[in-house]
Amino acid sequence: MGKKVQFVLILLAFLFVNCDRPECTNTNPIFNKYTPESEEYKTELVKQLDRIDPSKLTYWFQKYSTNSGNEQLYFNIQGNGLCAIIVLDVEDWSKLKELKEKKGVSFQGAEFKNLTFDIIQDSSQTKFIYRNFDRIID
């Protein structure tokens, strides 16, 4: 019985490790110098996103935040050499009701498959606006 329990514990530990997002290391000095909320960071992220095939990117939920009354979602975005954080403003919460109600608790670390967003840029600011996703893998 002891070996079976030990095997199950090892198997569970292995599954938990495999469900986490893959490691990535940021090598972009702008992402190291500025915060994801800063205009410098966002401008650089737009440049990087223009160079990458969107199908190569993965999105992992980091946190829900309220800044100046504005509700935002933070995601680790990675793939094809990109390792960054994207801050999404949300205008339509219909598909994210539960996440909003729980303020992101229990969603941390979940992968959002095929996450889509709009990039709104003018001379003074850059915004990333959440649009949709296919499913959540927790």
Protein backbone atom coordinates (compact mmCIF):
# COMPACT_ATOMS: atom_id res chain seq x y z
CA MET A 1 0.00 0.00 0.00
CA GLY A 2 2.84 2.42 0.78
CA LYS A 3 4.32 2.18 -2.72
CA LYS A 4 0.94 2.85 -4.33
CA VAL A 5 0.44 5.98 -2.23
CA GLN A 6 3.96 7.13 -3.04
CA PHE A 7 3.35 6.54 -6.77
CA VAL A 8 0.08 8.52 -6.68
CA LEU A 9 1.77 11.42 -4.87
CA ILE A 10 4.59 11.51 -7.42
CA LEU A 11 2.08 11.36 -10.27
CA LEU A 12 0.05 14.23 -8.78
CA ALA A 13 3.18 16.34 -8.30
CA PHE A 14 4.14 15.68 -11.92
CA LEU A 15 0.70 16.73 -13.16
CA PHE A 16 0.77 19.96 -11.15
CA VAL A 17 4.18 20.86 -12.55
CA ASN A 18 3.05 20.13 -16.11
CA CYS A 19 -0.06 22.33 -15.80
CA ASP A 20 2.01 25.45 -15.11
CA ARG A 21 3.05 27.77 -17.88
CA PRO A 22 6.36 27.05 -19.53
CA GLU A 23 9.34 28.97 -18.26
CA CYS A 24 10.36 32.01 -20.24
CA THR A 25 13.07 34.57 -19.72
CA ASN A 26 12.69 38.14 -20.82
CA THR A 27 15.67 39.45 -22.75
CA ASN A 28 14.12 42.78 -23.76
CA PRO A 29 15.74 45.68 -21.84
CA ILE A 30 12.62 47.85 -22.20
CA PHE A 31 10.47 45.20 -20.49
CA ASN A 32 13.08 45.04 -17.71
CA LYS A 33 13.25 48.81 -17.24
CA TYR A 34 9.55 49.75 -17.31
CA THR A 35 6.34 48.41 -15.78
CA PRO A 36 3.60 46.81 -17.92
CA GLU A 37 1.37 49.83 -17.22
CA SER A 38 3.88 52.32 -18.64
CA GLU A 39 3.57 53.77 -22.12
CA GLU A 40 7.16 52.74 -22.94
CA TYR A 41 6.40 49.09 -22.13
CA LYS A 42 3.14 49.10 -24.09
CA THR A 43 4.74 50.72 -27.14
CA GLU A 44 7.49 48.11 -27.15
CA LEU A 45 4.95 45.31 -26.70
CA VAL A 46 3.04 46.54 -29.77
CA LYS A 47 6.30 46.45 -31.78
CA GLN A 48 7.02 42.91 -30.63
CA LEU A 49 3.47 41.72 -31.31
CA ASP A 50 3.69 43.06 -34.87
CA ARG A 51 6.67 40.74 -35.47
CA ILE A 52 5.12 37.54 -34.13
CA ASP A 53 2.53 35.20 -35.58
CA PRO A 54 -0.38 35.43 -33.07
CA SER A 55 -0.92 31.65 -33.27
CA LYS A 56 2.53 31.19 -31.65
CA LEU A 57 1.55 33.08 -28.49
CA THR A 58 0.14 31.74 -25.25
CA TYR A 59 -1.63 33.73 -22.54
CA TRP A 60 -1.57 32.83 -18.84
CA PHE A 61 -3.78 34.73 -16.41
CA GLN A 62 -1.79 36.55 -13.76
CA LYS A 63 -4.21 38.82 -11.89
CA TYR A 64 -7.27 41.03 -11.80
CA SER A 65 -6.67 44.62 -10.76
CA THR A 66 -8.55 47.86 -10.32
CA ASN A 67 -6.57 50.98 -11.21
CA SER A 68 -8.35 54.34 -10.76
CA GLY A 69 -11.70 52.55 -10.98
CA ASN A 70 -10.65 50.81 -14.20
CA GLU A 71 -10.80 47.01 -14.02
CA GLN A 72 -7.90 45.31 -15.79
CA LEU A 73 -6.62 41.81 -16.42
CA TYR A 74 -2.92 40.98 -16.41
CA PHE A 75 -1.65 38.10 -18.53
CA ASN A 76 1.77 36.59 -19.03
CA ILE A 77 2.18 36.55 -22.80
CA GLN A 78 4.86 34.36 -24.29
CA GLY A 79 5.99 32.58 -27.40
CA ASN A 80 8.43 32.87 -30.27
CA GLY A 81 10.97 34.68 -28.06
CA LEU A 82 8.48 37.02 -26.39
CA CYS A 83 8.19 36.92 -22.60
CA ALA A 84 6.12 39.84 -21.32
CA ILE A 85 3.03 40.95 -19.45
CA ILE A 86 0.00 42.42 -21.17
CA VAL A 87 -2.58 44.51 -19.33
CA LEU A 88 -6.04 44.27 -20.87
CA ASP A 89 -8.90 46.67 -20.31
CA VAL A 90 -12.28 44.93 -20.41
CA GLU A 91 -15.38 46.55 -21.86
CA ASP A 92 -17.54 43.43 -22.15
CA TRP A 93 -17.50 41.14 -19.11
CA SER A 94 -20.22 38.76 -20.35
CA LYS A 95 -17.82 35.86 -20.93
CA LEU A 96 -15.74 36.75 -17.87
CA LYS A 97 -18.52 37.15 -15.27
CA GLU A 98 -17.14 34.52 -12.91
CA LEU A 99 -13.61 35.89 -13.13
CA LYS A 100 -14.89 39.38 -12.34
CA GLU A 101 -17.04 38.18 -9.44
CA LYS A 102 -14.10 36.32 -7.92
CA LYS A 103 -11.69 39.16 -8.78
CA GLY A 104 -9.46 36.64 -10.51
CA VAL A 105 -9.03 34.35 -7.51
CA SER A 106 -8.93 30.70 -8.63
CA PHE A 107 -8.06 31.74 -12.20
CA GLN A 108 -4.41 32.55 -11.51
CA GLY A 109 -2.10 30.55 -13.74
CA ALA A 110 -4.88 29.44 -16.08
CA GLU A 111 -4.16 29.45 -19.80
CA PHE A 112 -6.58 31.38 -21.98
CA LYS A 113 -6.67 29.71 -25.40
CA ASN A 114 -6.88 31.98 -28.44
CA LEU A 115 -7.16 35.15 -26.40
CA THR A 116 -7.92 38.09 -28.67
CA PHE A 117 -7.71 41.82 -28.07
CA ASP A 118 -7.64 45.12 -29.93
CA ILE A 119 -4.75 47.54 -29.84
CA ILE A 120 -5.82 51.17 -29.62
CA GLN A 121 -2.97 53.61 -30.04
CA ASP A 122 -2.85 57.38 -30.39
CA SER A 123 -0.22 60.03 -29.72
CA SER A 124 -0.74 59.93 -25.95
CA GLN A 125 -1.54 56.34 -25.03
CA THR A 126 -1.72 52.69 -25.93
CA LYS A 127 -4.54 50.43 -24.76
CA PHE A 128 -5.08 46.73 -25.13
CA ILE A 129 -8.81 45.94 -25.11
CA TYR A 130 -9.97 42.38 -24.38
CA ARG A 131 -12.24 40.88 -27.06
CA ASN A 132 -12.62 37.12 -26.61
CA PHE A 133 -11.07 33.71 -25.93
CA ASP A 134 -11.97 30.14 -26.86
CA ARG A 135 -11.54 28.37 -23.54
CA ILE A 136 -9.71 28.36 -20.23
CA ILE A 137 -7.34 25.56 -19.28
CA ASP A 138 -6.90 25.57 -15.53
